[in-house]
Amino acid sequence: MGKAVPTSGFQVLMSDIIPPPEVIYVDSHKVACNGGGGALGHPLTYYELGEDGTAECGYCDRKFVHQDHAHEYVDPSPRPEGEH
């Protein structure tokens, strides 16, 4: 049998490392995303919001929410006010 490996008891959660995706409220059913442009951006991509009024960028995970559906959208990882 193998030896037991001691652990430090320290656990890192992905939510501690990776910030939640940015949510952008829009007033159109067609949106474009370039990841913010510049050196940290990505190719310009276009999305059409689905029936639920949302679309998610395949590159940077930005979430686009139509303002008419904003009251229905629940952020899966809400951040305390002032931390964004």
N, C-alpha and C. Protein backbone atom coordinates (compact mmCIF):
# COMPACT_ATOMS: atom_id res chain seq x y z
N MET A 1 0.83 -1.18 0.00
CA MET A 1 0.00 0.00 0.00
C MET A 1 0.87 1.24 0.00
N GLY A 2 0.36 2.30 -0.59
CA GLY A 2 1.09 3.57 -0.64
C GLY A 2 0.97 4.34 0.65
N LYS A 3 1.87 5.27 0.81
CA LYS A 3 1.86 6.10 2.00
C LYS A 3 0.82 7.21 1.86
N ALA A 4 0.27 7.60 2.98
CA ALA A 4 -0.67 8.71 2.98
C ALA A 4 0.11 10.01 2.81
N VAL A 5 -0.39 10.89 1.99
CA VAL A 5 0.26 12.17 1.75
C VAL A 5 -0.39 13.21 2.65
N PRO A 6 0.42 13.83 3.53
CA PRO A 6 -0.17 14.84 4.41
C PRO A 6 -0.65 16.06 3.61
N THR A 7 -1.72 16.65 4.05
CA THR A 7 -2.24 17.85 3.40
C THR A 7 -2.18 19.00 4.37
N SER A 8 -2.09 20.19 3.84
CA SER A 8 -1.99 21.38 4.68
C SER A 8 -3.35 21.86 5.17
N GLY A 9 -4.41 21.31 4.61
CA GLY A 9 -5.75 21.77 4.98
C GLY A 9 -6.16 23.02 4.22
N PHE A 10 -5.31 23.51 3.34
CA PHE A 10 -5.60 24.71 2.54
C PHE A 10 -6.26 24.29 1.25
N GLN A 11 -7.41 24.84 0.97
CA GLN A 11 -8.15 24.50 -0.24
C GLN A 11 -8.35 25.76 -1.07
N VAL A 12 -8.00 25.69 -2.33
CA VAL A 12 -8.18 26.82 -3.23
C VAL A 12 -9.37 26.52 -4.12
N LEU A 13 -10.32 27.42 -4.13
CA LEU A 13 -11.49 27.28 -4.98
C LEU A 13 -11.27 28.05 -6.27
N MET A 14 -11.82 27.54 -7.36
CA MET A 14 -11.69 28.24 -8.64
C MET A 14 -12.27 29.64 -8.55
N SER A 15 -13.32 29.82 -7.76
CA SER A 15 -13.92 31.15 -7.63
C SER A 15 -12.99 32.13 -6.94
N ASP A 16 -11.98 31.63 -6.22
CA ASP A 16 -10.99 32.49 -5.59
C ASP A 16 -9.92 32.93 -6.58
N ILE A 17 -9.75 32.16 -7.65
CA ILE A 17 -8.68 32.42 -8.62
C ILE A 17 -9.22 33.15 -9.84
N ILE A 18 -10.33 32.68 -10.38
CA ILE A 18 -10.88 33.21 -11.62
C ILE A 18 -12.05 34.12 -11.30
N PRO A 19 -11.96 35.39 -11.70
CA PRO A 19 -13.09 36.29 -11.43
C PRO A 19 -14.30 35.88 -12.26
N PRO A 20 -15.51 36.22 -11.78
CA PRO A 20 -16.71 35.88 -12.55
C PRO A 20 -16.74 36.66 -13.86
N PRO A 21 -17.44 36.14 -14.87
CA PRO A 21 -17.51 36.85 -16.15
C PRO A 21 -18.19 38.20 -16.01
N GLU A 22 -17.76 39.11 -16.85
CA GLU A 22 -18.35 40.45 -16.89
C GLU A 22 -19.75 40.36 -17.48
N VAL A 23 -20.70 41.08 -16.90
CA VAL A 23 -22.06 41.12 -17.41
C VAL A 23 -22.30 42.51 -18.00
N ILE A 24 -22.76 42.53 -19.25
CA ILE A 24 -23.02 43.78 -19.96
C ILE A 24 -24.49 43.80 -20.33
N TYR A 25 -25.19 44.84 -19.88
CA TYR A 25 -26.61 45.00 -20.20
C TYR A 25 -26.73 45.81 -21.49
N VAL A 26 -27.53 45.31 -22.42
CA VAL A 26 -27.65 45.92 -23.74
C VAL A 26 -29.12 46.19 -24.07
N ASP A 27 -29.34 47.02 -25.09
CA ASP A 27 -30.71 47.33 -25.51
C ASP A 27 -30.98 46.83 -26.93
N SER A 28 -30.11 45.96 -27.44
CA SER A 28 -30.25 45.41 -28.77
C SER A 28 -30.22 43.88 -28.67
N HIS A 29 -30.81 43.21 -29.65
CA HIS A 29 -30.79 41.75 -29.65
C HIS A 29 -29.59 41.20 -30.42
N LYS A 30 -28.79 42.08 -31.00
CA LYS A 30 -27.56 41.69 -31.68
C LYS A 30 -26.42 42.46 -31.04
N VAL A 31 -25.35 41.74 -30.66
CA VAL A 31 -24.22 42.36 -29.99
C VAL A 31 -22.92 41.91 -30.64
N ALA A 32 -21.86 42.67 -30.40
CA ALA A 32 -20.53 42.33 -30.88
C ALA A 32 -19.57 42.39 -29.70
N CYS A 33 -18.56 41.52 -29.72
CA CYS A 33 -17.58 41.49 -28.63
C CYS A 33 -16.19 41.35 -29.23
N ASN A 34 -15.25 42.15 -28.71
CA ASN A 34 -13.85 42.03 -29.11
C ASN A 34 -12.96 41.84 -27.88
N GLY A 35 -13.57 41.52 -26.75
CA GLY A 35 -12.81 41.28 -25.53
C GLY A 35 -12.21 42.52 -24.92
N GLY A 36 -12.63 43.66 -25.37
CA GLY A 36 -12.07 44.91 -24.85
C GLY A 36 -11.06 45.53 -25.80
N GLY A 37 -10.72 44.82 -26.85
CA GLY A 37 -9.79 45.35 -27.84
C GLY A 37 -8.36 45.38 -27.32
N GLY A 38 -7.50 45.93 -28.14
CA GLY A 38 -6.09 46.04 -27.76
C GLY A 38 -5.41 44.69 -27.65
N ALA A 39 -4.30 44.68 -26.95
CA ALA A 39 -3.48 43.47 -26.82
C ALA A 39 -4.20 42.36 -26.06
N LEU A 40 -5.14 42.71 -25.20
CA LEU A 40 -5.82 41.70 -24.41
C LEU A 40 -7.15 41.27 -25.02
N GLY A 41 -7.48 41.78 -26.20
CA GLY A 41 -8.74 41.46 -26.83
C GLY A 41 -8.70 40.14 -27.58
N HIS A 42 -9.73 39.94 -28.41
CA HIS A 42 -9.83 38.75 -29.24
C HIS A 42 -10.52 39.16 -30.54
N PRO A 43 -10.59 38.26 -31.52
CA PRO A 43 -11.26 38.62 -32.78
C PRO A 43 -12.69 39.10 -32.53
N LEU A 44 -13.13 40.04 -33.33
CA LEU A 44 -14.49 40.57 -33.23
C LEU A 44 -15.48 39.46 -33.58
N THR A 45 -16.41 39.21 -32.67
CA THR A 45 -17.43 38.19 -32.89
C THR A 45 -18.80 38.81 -32.66
N TYR A 46 -19.80 38.27 -33.34
CA TYR A 46 -21.16 38.78 -33.25
C TYR A 46 -22.06 37.70 -32.68
N TYR A 47 -23.02 38.13 -31.85
CA TYR A 47 -23.95 37.19 -31.23
C TYR A 47 -25.36 37.75 -31.29
N GLU A 48 -26.32 36.85 -31.39
CA GLU A 48 -27.72 37.23 -31.30
C GLU A 48 -28.25 36.67 -29.99
N LEU A 49 -28.89 37.52 -29.20
CA LEU A 49 -29.40 37.11 -27.91
C LEU A 49 -30.49 36.08 -28.10
N GLY A 50 -30.49 35.06 -27.26
CA GLY A 50 -31.48 33.99 -27.35
C GLY A 50 -32.82 34.42 -26.77
N GLU A 51 -33.74 33.47 -26.72
CA GLU A 51 -35.09 33.75 -26.20
C GLU A 51 -35.07 34.20 -24.74
N ASP A 52 -34.02 33.77 -24.02
CA ASP A 52 -33.91 34.19 -22.62
C ASP A 52 -33.28 35.57 -22.47
N GLY A 53 -32.94 36.21 -23.60
CA GLY A 53 -32.38 37.56 -23.57
C GLY A 53 -30.91 37.62 -23.22
N THR A 54 -30.19 36.50 -23.37
CA THR A 54 -28.78 36.48 -23.04
C THR A 54 -27.95 35.85 -24.15
N ALA A 55 -26.66 36.18 -24.14
CA ALA A 55 -25.68 35.55 -25.01
C ALA A 55 -24.35 35.59 -24.27
N GLU A 56 -23.50 34.61 -24.52
CA GLU A 56 -22.20 34.56 -23.86
C GLU A 56 -21.11 34.47 -24.92
N CYS A 57 -20.08 35.29 -24.77
CA CYS A 57 -18.97 35.29 -25.72
C CYS A 57 -18.19 33.99 -25.59
N GLY A 58 -17.90 33.39 -26.72
CA GLY A 58 -17.15 32.14 -26.74
C GLY A 58 -15.68 32.30 -26.44
N TYR A 59 -15.16 33.52 -26.51
CA TYR A 59 -13.75 33.76 -26.22
C TYR A 59 -13.51 34.20 -24.77
N CYS A 60 -14.21 35.24 -24.35
CA CYS A 60 -13.89 35.84 -23.05
C CYS A 60 -14.98 35.62 -22.00
N ASP A 61 -16.04 34.92 -22.34
CA ASP A 61 -17.13 34.59 -21.41
C ASP A 61 -17.95 35.79 -20.95
N ARG A 62 -17.78 36.94 -21.60
CA ARG A 62 -18.66 38.06 -21.25
C ARG A 62 -20.10 37.63 -21.46
N LYS A 63 -20.94 38.04 -20.55
CA LYS A 63 -22.37 37.69 -20.64
C LYS A 63 -23.12 38.96 -21.03
N PHE A 64 -23.86 38.89 -22.13
CA PHE A 64 -24.68 40.01 -22.58
C PHE A 64 -26.12 39.71 -22.18
N VAL A 65 -26.76 40.66 -21.50
CA VAL A 65 -28.13 40.49 -21.02
C VAL A 65 -28.95 41.67 -21.54
N HIS A 66 -30.05 41.36 -22.23
CA HIS A 66 -30.93 42.43 -22.72
C HIS A 66 -31.59 43.10 -21.54
N GLN A 67 -31.67 44.43 -21.59
CA GLN A 67 -32.22 45.18 -20.46
C GLN A 67 -33.65 44.78 -20.12
N ASP A 68 -34.41 44.29 -21.08
CA ASP A 68 -35.78 43.84 -20.79
C ASP A 68 -35.79 42.56 -19.97
N HIS A 69 -34.66 41.83 -19.96
CA HIS A 69 -34.57 40.57 -19.21
C HIS A 69 -33.68 40.72 -17.98
N ALA A 70 -33.21 41.92 -17.71
CA ALA A 70 -32.28 42.13 -16.60
C ALA A 70 -32.89 41.70 -15.27
N HIS A 71 -34.18 41.91 -15.09
CA HIS A 71 -34.83 41.52 -13.83
C HIS A 71 -34.92 40.01 -13.66
N GLU A 72 -34.79 39.26 -14.78
CA GLU A 72 -34.86 37.80 -14.73
C GLU A 72 -33.50 37.16 -14.53
N TYR A 73 -32.43 37.92 -14.83
CA TYR A 73 -31.08 37.36 -14.78
C TYR A 73 -30.55 37.39 -13.35
N VAL A 74 -30.09 36.25 -12.87
CA VAL A 74 -29.49 36.16 -11.55
C VAL A 74 -28.02 35.83 -11.75
N ASP A 75 -27.15 36.75 -11.34
CA ASP A 75 -25.71 36.55 -11.47
C ASP A 75 -25.31 35.33 -10.64
N PRO A 76 -24.68 34.32 -11.27
CA PRO A 76 -24.32 33.12 -10.52
C PRO A 76 -23.22 33.36 -9.49
N SER A 77 -22.53 34.46 -9.60
CA SER A 77 -21.45 34.75 -8.66
C SER A 77 -21.45 36.24 -8.34
N PRO A 78 -22.45 36.71 -7.59
CA PRO A 78 -22.54 38.14 -7.30
C PRO A 78 -21.33 38.61 -6.49
N ARG A 79 -20.90 39.84 -6.80
CA ARG A 79 -19.76 40.42 -6.11
C ARG A 79 -20.25 41.54 -5.21
N PRO A 80 -19.62 41.70 -4.05
CA PRO A 80 -20.01 42.80 -3.16
C PRO A 80 -19.84 44.13 -3.85
N GLU A 81 -20.69 45.08 -3.56
CA GLU A 81 -20.64 46.40 -4.17
C GLU A 81 -19.25 47.00 -3.97
N GLY A 82 -18.71 47.58 -5.02
CA GLY A 82 -17.41 48.23 -4.94
C GLY A 82 -16.24 47.35 -5.33
N GLU A 83 -16.46 46.06 -5.53
CA GLU A 83 -15.36 45.15 -5.90
C GLU A 83 -15.31 44.87 -7.40
N HIS A 84 -15.97 45.67 -8.19
CA HIS A 84 -15.93 45.47 -9.64
C HIS A 84 -15.80 46.77 -10.36
